[in-house]
Amino acid sequence: MKPLYLHGAASVLLLSLSACNFKEDKTSDSPTTIGDGTTTTELRFADVKAQVFDQSCSCHVASNQGGVSLKTYAATLSAIQSRDLRNVTLVEKRMPYPPDALSDGQQALLKEWLDGGAPE
């Protein structure tokens, strides 16, 4: 008959080895792939400004053209609320001009940010 401590040691060893393959589900912290392949856990205004507004909406970043400014977060929130930024850019595609000025990736990034509550 084997000593009892060997059974206990074998059990601990077996549990330790099986734990090596344990993977905790962290779906809420997993990066999200956006449009152009960019991955992020949470989009921020700075991301959208750099990748969308600065590149394709320069009239509204450099100046307050048409009464719409996308230069700061506060100004962009105003545009979202008063001008329905989502509708103008993603549904009707009136802005930016010309209508195909936003790439598929930029549209996806903007949509993801807006869907996420447009965090600063």
C-alpha atoms as a PDB file:
ATOM      1  CA  MET A   1       0.000   0.000   0.000  1.00  0.00           C
ATOM      2  CA  LYS A   2       1.304   3.447  -0.932  1.00  0.00           C
ATOM      3  CA  PRO A   3       1.682   6.059   1.757  1.00  0.00           C
ATOM      4  CA  LEU A   4      -1.199   8.541   1.935  1.00  0.00           C
ATOM      5  CA  TYR A   5       1.025  11.579   1.412  1.00  0.00           C
ATOM      6  CA  LEU A   6       1.950  10.302  -2.077  1.00  0.00           C
ATOM      7  CA  HIS A   7      -1.726  10.366  -3.111  1.00  0.00           C
ATOM      8  CA  GLY A   8      -2.053  13.926  -1.794  1.00  0.00           C
ATOM      9  CA  ALA A   9       1.142  15.042  -3.542  1.00  0.00           C
ATOM     10  CA  ALA A  10       0.025  13.447  -6.793  1.00  0.00           C
ATOM     11  CA  SER A  11      -3.346  15.215  -6.558  1.00  0.00           C
ATOM     12  CA  VAL A  12      -1.699  18.595  -5.979  1.00  0.00           C
ATOM     13  CA  LEU A  13       0.676  18.007  -8.894  1.00  0.00           C
ATOM     14  CA  LEU A  14      -2.187  17.006 -11.178  1.00  0.00           C
ATOM     15  CA  LEU A  15      -4.230  20.086 -10.242  1.00  0.00           C
ATOM     16  CA  SER A  16      -1.207  22.352 -10.725  1.00  0.00           C
ATOM     17  CA  LEU A  17      -0.506  20.981 -14.180  1.00  0.00           C
ATOM     18  CA  SER A  18      -4.125  21.244 -15.284  1.00  0.00           C
ATOM     19  CA  ALA A  19      -4.202  24.881 -14.143  1.00  0.00           C
ATOM     20  CA  CYS A  20      -1.476  25.699 -16.688  1.00  0.00           C
ATOM     21  CA  ASN A  21      -4.053  25.430 -19.453  1.00  0.00           C
ATOM     22  CA  PHE A  22      -6.681  27.488 -17.632  1.00  0.00           C
ATOM     23  CA  LYS A  23      -7.669  30.634 -19.501  1.00  0.00           C
ATOM     24  CA  GLU A  24      -9.800  33.206 -17.759  1.00  0.00           C
ATOM     25  CA  ASP A  25     -12.556  34.674 -19.915  1.00  0.00           C
ATOM     26  CA  LYS A  26     -11.804  38.365 -20.262  1.00  0.00           C
ATOM     27  CA  THR A  27     -14.127  39.265 -23.083  1.00  0.00           C
ATOM     28  CA  SER A  28     -14.925  42.658 -21.579  1.00  0.00           C
ATOM     29  CA  ASP A  29     -11.225  43.606 -21.616  1.00  0.00           C
ATOM     30  CA  SER A  30     -10.529  42.125 -25.029  1.00  0.00           C
ATOM     31  CA  PRO A  31      -9.428  44.540 -27.722  1.00  0.00           C
ATOM     32  CA  THR A  32     -12.003  45.450 -30.334  1.00  0.00           C
ATOM     33  CA  THR A  33     -10.991  45.561 -33.986  1.00  0.00           C
ATOM     34  CA  ILE A  34     -12.228  48.703 -35.679  1.00  0.00           C
ATOM     35  CA  GLY A  35     -12.592  49.382 -39.401  1.00  0.00           C
ATOM     36  CA  ASP A  36      -9.019  49.589 -40.642  1.00  0.00           C
ATOM     37  CA  GLY A  37      -7.760  46.850 -38.343  1.00  0.00           C
ATOM     38  CA  THR A  38      -7.006  49.143 -35.395  1.00  0.00           C
ATOM     39  CA  THR A  39      -7.566  47.398 -32.086  1.00  0.00           C
ATOM     40  CA  THR A  40      -8.585  49.176 -28.938  1.00  0.00           C
ATOM     41  CA  THR A  41     -10.351  48.499 -25.676  1.00  0.00           C
ATOM     42  CA  GLU A  42     -12.124  51.864 -25.682  1.00  0.00           C
ATOM     43  CA  LEU A  43     -12.178  54.554 -28.323  1.00  0.00           C
ATOM     44  CA  ARG A  44     -11.597  58.110 -27.198  1.00  0.00           C
ATOM     45  CA  PHE A  45     -12.110  61.481 -28.839  1.00  0.00           C
ATOM     46  CA  ALA A  46      -8.362  61.801 -29.508  1.00  0.00           C
ATOM     47  CA  ASP A  47      -8.436  58.570 -31.540  1.00  0.00           C
ATOM     48  CA  VAL A  48     -11.379  59.676 -33.669  1.00  0.00           C
ATOM     49  CA  LYS A  49     -10.003  63.193 -34.094  1.00  0.00           C
ATOM     50  CA  ALA A  50      -6.620  61.916 -35.282  1.00  0.00           C
ATOM     51  CA  GLN A  51      -7.926  59.181 -37.562  1.00  0.00           C
ATOM     52  CA  VAL A  52     -11.134  60.748 -38.887  1.00  0.00           C
ATOM     53  CA  PHE A  53     -11.601  64.459 -38.232  1.00  0.00           C
ATOM     54  CA  ASP A  54      -7.991  65.614 -38.801  1.00  0.00           C
ATOM     55  CA  GLN A  55      -7.687  63.559 -41.987  1.00  0.00           C
ATOM     56  CA  SER A  56     -11.085  64.013 -43.630  1.00  0.00           C
ATOM     57  CA  CYS A  57     -12.893  66.898 -41.911  1.00  0.00           C
ATOM     58  CA  SER A  58     -10.198  69.574 -42.059  1.00  0.00           C
ATOM     59  CA  CYS A  59     -12.663  72.404 -42.818  1.00  0.00           C
ATOM     60  CA  HIS A  60     -14.285  71.800 -39.430  1.00  0.00           C
ATOM     61  CA  VAL A  61     -11.027  71.245 -37.536  1.00  0.00           C
ATOM     62  CA  ALA A  62      -9.064  74.238 -38.854  1.00  0.00           C
ATOM     63  CA  SER A  63     -12.013  76.609 -38.770  1.00  0.00           C
ATOM     64  CA  ASN A  64     -15.613  76.758 -37.707  1.00  0.00           C
ATOM     65  CA  GLN A  65     -16.923  76.286 -41.241  1.00  0.00           C
ATOM     66  CA  GLY A  66     -20.701  76.220 -41.454  1.00  0.00           C
ATOM     67  CA  GLY A  67     -20.938  76.789 -37.717  1.00  0.00           C
ATOM     68  CA  VAL A  68     -19.543  73.310 -37.002  1.00  0.00           C
ATOM     69  CA  SER A  69     -16.242  72.793 -35.219  1.00  0.00           C
ATOM     70  CA  LEU A  70     -14.617  69.419 -34.604  1.00  0.00           C
ATOM     71  CA  LYS A  71     -11.468  70.916 -33.083  1.00  0.00           C
ATOM     72  CA  THR A  72     -12.220  70.157 -29.425  1.00  0.00           C
ATOM     73  CA  TYR A  73     -14.226  67.551 -27.578  1.00  0.00           C
ATOM     74  CA  ALA A  74     -16.734  70.135 -26.315  1.00  0.00           C
ATOM     75  CA  ALA A  75     -17.278  71.538 -29.818  1.00  0.00           C
ATOM     76  CA  THR A  76     -17.676  68.028 -31.243  1.00  0.00           C
ATOM     77  CA  LEU A  77     -20.263  67.145 -28.589  1.00  0.00           C
ATOM     78  CA  SER A  78     -22.193  70.223 -29.657  1.00  0.00           C
ATOM     79  CA  ALA A  79     -22.045  69.034 -33.268  1.00  0.00           C
ATOM     80  CA  ILE A  80     -23.230  65.576 -32.228  1.00  0.00           C
ATOM     81  CA  GLN A  81     -26.191  66.987 -30.314  1.00  0.00           C
ATOM     82  CA  SER A  82     -27.259  69.943 -32.443  1.00  0.00           C
ATOM     83  CA  ARG A  83     -26.270  68.853 -35.932  1.00  0.00           C
ATOM     84  CA  ASP A  84     -26.829  65.101 -35.707  1.00  0.00           C
ATOM     85  CA  LEU A  85     -23.283  64.210 -36.690  1.00  0.00           C
ATOM     86  CA  ARG A  86     -24.182  60.511 -37.086  1.00  0.00           C
ATOM     87  CA  ASN A  87     -26.934  61.169 -39.600  1.00  0.00           C
ATOM     88  CA  VAL A  88     -24.946  63.691 -41.654  1.00  0.00           C
ATOM     89  CA  THR A  89     -21.791  61.546 -41.858  1.00  0.00           C
ATOM     90  CA  LEU A  90     -22.909  57.917 -41.668  1.00  0.00           C
ATOM     91  CA  VAL A  91     -26.501  57.818 -42.967  1.00  0.00           C
ATOM     92  CA  GLU A  92     -26.972  60.649 -45.469  1.00  0.00           C
ATOM     93  CA  LYS A  93     -23.216  60.893 -46.140  1.00  0.00           C
ATOM     94  CA  ARG A  94     -23.462  64.616 -46.891  1.00  0.00           C
ATOM     95  CA  MET A  95     -20.286  65.300 -44.963  1.00  0.00           C
ATOM     96  CA  PRO A  96     -17.438  65.304 -45.401  1.00  0.00           C
ATOM     97  CA  TYR A  97     -17.458  66.408 -48.980  1.00  0.00           C
ATOM     98  CA  PRO A  98     -17.105  64.660 -51.404  1.00  0.00           C
ATOM     99  CA  PRO A  99     -19.472  61.934 -50.161  1.00  0.00           C
ATOM    100  CA  ASP A 100     -16.841  59.161 -50.365  1.00  0.00           C
ATOM    101  CA  ALA A 101     -14.264  61.139 -48.347  1.00  0.00           C
ATOM    102  CA  LEU A 102     -14.538  58.784 -45.358  1.00  0.00           C
ATOM    103  CA  SER A 103     -13.017  55.365 -45.877  1.00  0.00           C
ATOM    104  CA  ASP A 104     -14.881  52.282 -44.679  1.00  0.00           C
ATOM    105  CA  GLY A 105     -12.438  52.110 -41.777  1.00  0.00           C
ATOM    106  CA  GLN A 106     -13.039  55.729 -40.795  1.00  0.00           C
ATOM    107  CA  GLN A 107     -16.800  55.220 -40.952  1.00  0.00           C
ATOM    108  CA  ALA A 108     -16.515  52.125 -38.752  1.00  0.00           C
ATOM    109  CA  LEU A 109     -14.305  53.973 -36.265  1.00  0.00           C
ATOM    110  CA  LEU A 110     -16.694  56.926 -36.064  1.00  0.00           C
ATOM    111  CA  LYS A 111     -19.704  54.626 -35.701  1.00  0.00           C
ATOM    112  CA  GLU A 112     -18.024  52.599 -32.955  1.00  0.00           C
ATOM    113  CA  TRP A 113     -17.130  55.767 -31.039  1.00  0.00           C
ATOM    114  CA  LEU A 114     -20.629  57.210 -31.357  1.00  0.00           C
ATOM    115  CA  ASP A 115     -22.219  53.855 -30.425  1.00  0.00           C
ATOM    116  CA  GLY A 116     -19.975  53.773 -27.353  1.00  0.00           C
ATOM    117  CA  GLY A 117     -21.370  57.097 -26.125  1.00  0.00           C
ATOM    118  CA  ALA A 118     -18.642  59.311 -27.661  1.00  0.00           C
ATOM    119  CA  PRO A 119     -16.297  59.226 -24.632  1.00  0.00           C
ATOM    120  CA  GLU A 120     -13.684  61.912 -24.157  1.00  0.00           C
END
